[in-house]
Amino acid sequence: MMDIGKISKIRQDKHCGMITLSDGREATFNNRCLYKNADFNTLYEGQEVEFYIQRSHKGYLAASIRPLQPASTVKV
């Protein structure tokens, strides 16, 4: 079962970020964690995403991230 959360922080220059889960935990991610057809450059802070959560030696890691909101909803 996939978890749902929101991107709380994104670093486009380093291709990484943080996702906050509904229970308050945070998971890190990088451009290699995206679902096969997802594009890192279309992600934005506040975007709702679904993903698998994995435990690593550094904490939680989000894997197979897939946006639930299309990039066209980005407010500039």
C-alpha atoms as a PDB file:
ATOM      1  CA  MET A   1       0.000   0.000   0.000  1.00  0.00           C
ATOM      2  CA  MET A   2       1.319   3.420  -0.931  1.00  0.00           C
ATOM      3  CA  ASP A   3       1.531   6.310   1.523  1.00  0.00           C
ATOM      4  CA  ILE A   4       0.326   9.828   0.713  1.00  0.00           C
ATOM      5  CA  GLY A   5       2.098  13.015   1.719  1.00  0.00           C
ATOM      6  CA  LYS A   6       3.046  16.502   0.603  1.00  0.00           C
ATOM      7  CA  ILE A   7       6.380  17.791  -0.600  1.00  0.00           C
ATOM      8  CA  SER A   8       7.532  20.062   2.202  1.00  0.00           C
ATOM      9  CA  LYS A   9      10.914  21.054   0.796  1.00  0.00           C
ATOM     10  CA  ILE A  10      12.544  20.684  -2.577  1.00  0.00           C
ATOM     11  CA  ARG A  11      16.071  21.523  -3.722  1.00  0.00           C
ATOM     12  CA  GLN A  12      16.051  21.687  -7.513  1.00  0.00           C
ATOM     13  CA  ASP A  13      19.810  22.360  -7.606  1.00  0.00           C
ATOM     14  CA  LYS A  14      20.585  19.157  -5.664  1.00  0.00           C
ATOM     15  CA  HIS A  15      17.669  17.070  -7.013  1.00  0.00           C
ATOM     16  CA  CYS A  16      16.426  16.136  -3.550  1.00  0.00           C
ATOM     17  CA  GLY A  17      13.760  17.058  -1.041  1.00  0.00           C
ATOM     18  CA  MET A  18      11.514  16.130   1.865  1.00  0.00           C
ATOM     19  CA  ILE A  19       7.987  14.743   2.006  1.00  0.00           C
ATOM     20  CA  THR A  20       5.798  15.150   5.101  1.00  0.00           C
ATOM     21  CA  LEU A  21       3.483  12.221   5.771  1.00  0.00           C
ATOM     22  CA  SER A  22       0.015  12.670   7.267  1.00  0.00           C
ATOM     23  CA  ASP A  23       1.277  11.395  10.650  1.00  0.00           C
ATOM     24  CA  GLY A  24       4.026  14.041  10.773  1.00  0.00           C
ATOM     25  CA  ARG A  25       6.991  11.843   9.835  1.00  0.00           C
ATOM     26  CA  GLU A  26       9.316  13.125   7.141  1.00  0.00           C
ATOM     27  CA  ALA A  27      10.946  11.149   4.360  1.00  0.00           C
ATOM     28  CA  THR A  28      13.769  12.258   2.086  1.00  0.00           C
ATOM     29  CA  PHE A  29      13.891  11.674  -1.639  1.00  0.00           C
ATOM     30  CA  ASN A  30      16.066  12.330  -4.663  1.00  0.00           C
ATOM     31  CA  ASN A  31      15.602  12.184  -8.414  1.00  0.00           C
ATOM     32  CA  ARG A  32      16.285   8.421  -8.450  1.00  0.00           C
ATOM     33  CA  CYS A  33      13.236   7.851  -6.184  1.00  0.00           C
ATOM     34  CA  LEU A  34      10.670   8.901  -8.787  1.00  0.00           C
ATOM     35  CA  TYR A  35       8.147   6.622 -10.440  1.00  0.00           C
ATOM     36  CA  LYS A  36       9.284   5.546 -13.913  1.00  0.00           C
ATOM     37  CA  ASN A  37       7.557   8.305 -15.917  1.00  0.00           C
ATOM     38  CA  ALA A  38       7.702  11.125 -13.338  1.00  0.00           C
ATOM     39  CA  ASP A  39       9.879  14.178 -14.011  1.00  0.00           C
ATOM     40  CA  PHE A  40      11.726  15.756 -11.055  1.00  0.00           C
ATOM     41  CA  ASN A  41      11.443  19.216 -12.623  1.00  0.00           C
ATOM     42  CA  THR A  42       7.630  19.106 -12.395  1.00  0.00           C
ATOM     43  CA  LEU A  43       7.598  18.625  -8.600  1.00  0.00           C
ATOM     44  CA  TYR A  44       6.866  21.591  -6.332  1.00  0.00           C
ATOM     45  CA  GLU A  45       6.466  22.335  -2.611  1.00  0.00           C
ATOM     46  CA  GLY A  46       2.968  21.618  -1.336  1.00  0.00           C
ATOM     47  CA  GLN A  47       2.276  19.072  -4.081  1.00  0.00           C
ATOM     48  CA  GLU A  48       0.480  15.930  -2.938  1.00  0.00           C
ATOM     49  CA  VAL A  49       2.288  12.721  -3.881  1.00  0.00           C
ATOM     50  CA  GLU A  50       1.983   9.009  -3.244  1.00  0.00           C
ATOM     51  CA  PHE A  51       4.975   6.789  -2.584  1.00  0.00           C
ATOM     52  CA  TYR A  52       6.341   3.771  -0.754  1.00  0.00           C
ATOM     53  CA  ILE A  53       8.181   4.438   2.479  1.00  0.00           C
ATOM     54  CA  GLN A  54      11.433   2.624   3.221  1.00  0.00           C
ATOM     55  CA  ARG A  55      13.543   2.665   6.340  1.00  0.00           C
ATOM     56  CA  SER A  56      17.241   3.451   5.843  1.00  0.00           C
ATOM     57  CA  HIS A  57      20.170   3.985   8.193  1.00  0.00           C
ATOM     58  CA  LYS A  58      19.521   7.745   7.893  1.00  0.00           C
ATOM     59  CA  GLY A  59      15.755   7.624   8.523  1.00  0.00           C
ATOM     60  CA  TYR A  60      12.841   7.305   6.136  1.00  0.00           C
ATOM     61  CA  LEU A  61      13.256   7.287   2.374  1.00  0.00           C
ATOM     62  CA  ALA A  62      10.439   7.808  -0.125  1.00  0.00           C
ATOM     63  CA  ALA A  63      10.493   5.491  -3.149  1.00  0.00           C
ATOM     64  CA  SER A  64       8.444   5.280  -6.357  1.00  0.00           C
ATOM     65  CA  ILE A  65       7.134   8.834  -5.920  1.00  0.00           C
ATOM     66  CA  ARG A  66       4.176   9.671  -8.132  1.00  0.00           C
ATOM     67  CA  PRO A  67       2.468  13.106  -8.165  1.00  0.00           C
ATOM     68  CA  LEU A  68      -1.275  13.120  -7.460  1.00  0.00           C
ATOM     69  CA  GLN A  69      -1.692  16.683  -8.740  1.00  0.00           C
ATOM     70  CA  PRO A  70      -0.643  17.613 -12.263  1.00  0.00           C
ATOM     71  CA  ALA A  71       2.135  20.158 -12.698  1.00  0.00           C
ATOM     72  CA  SER A  72      -0.253  22.474 -14.526  1.00  0.00           C
ATOM     73  CA  THR A  73      -1.834  23.420 -11.164  1.00  0.00           C
ATOM     74  CA  VAL A  74       1.344  25.218 -10.052  1.00  0.00           C
ATOM     75  CA  LYS A  75       0.620  28.752  -8.902  1.00  0.00           C
ATOM     76  CA  VAL A  76       3.265  31.255 -10.012  1.00  0.00           C
END
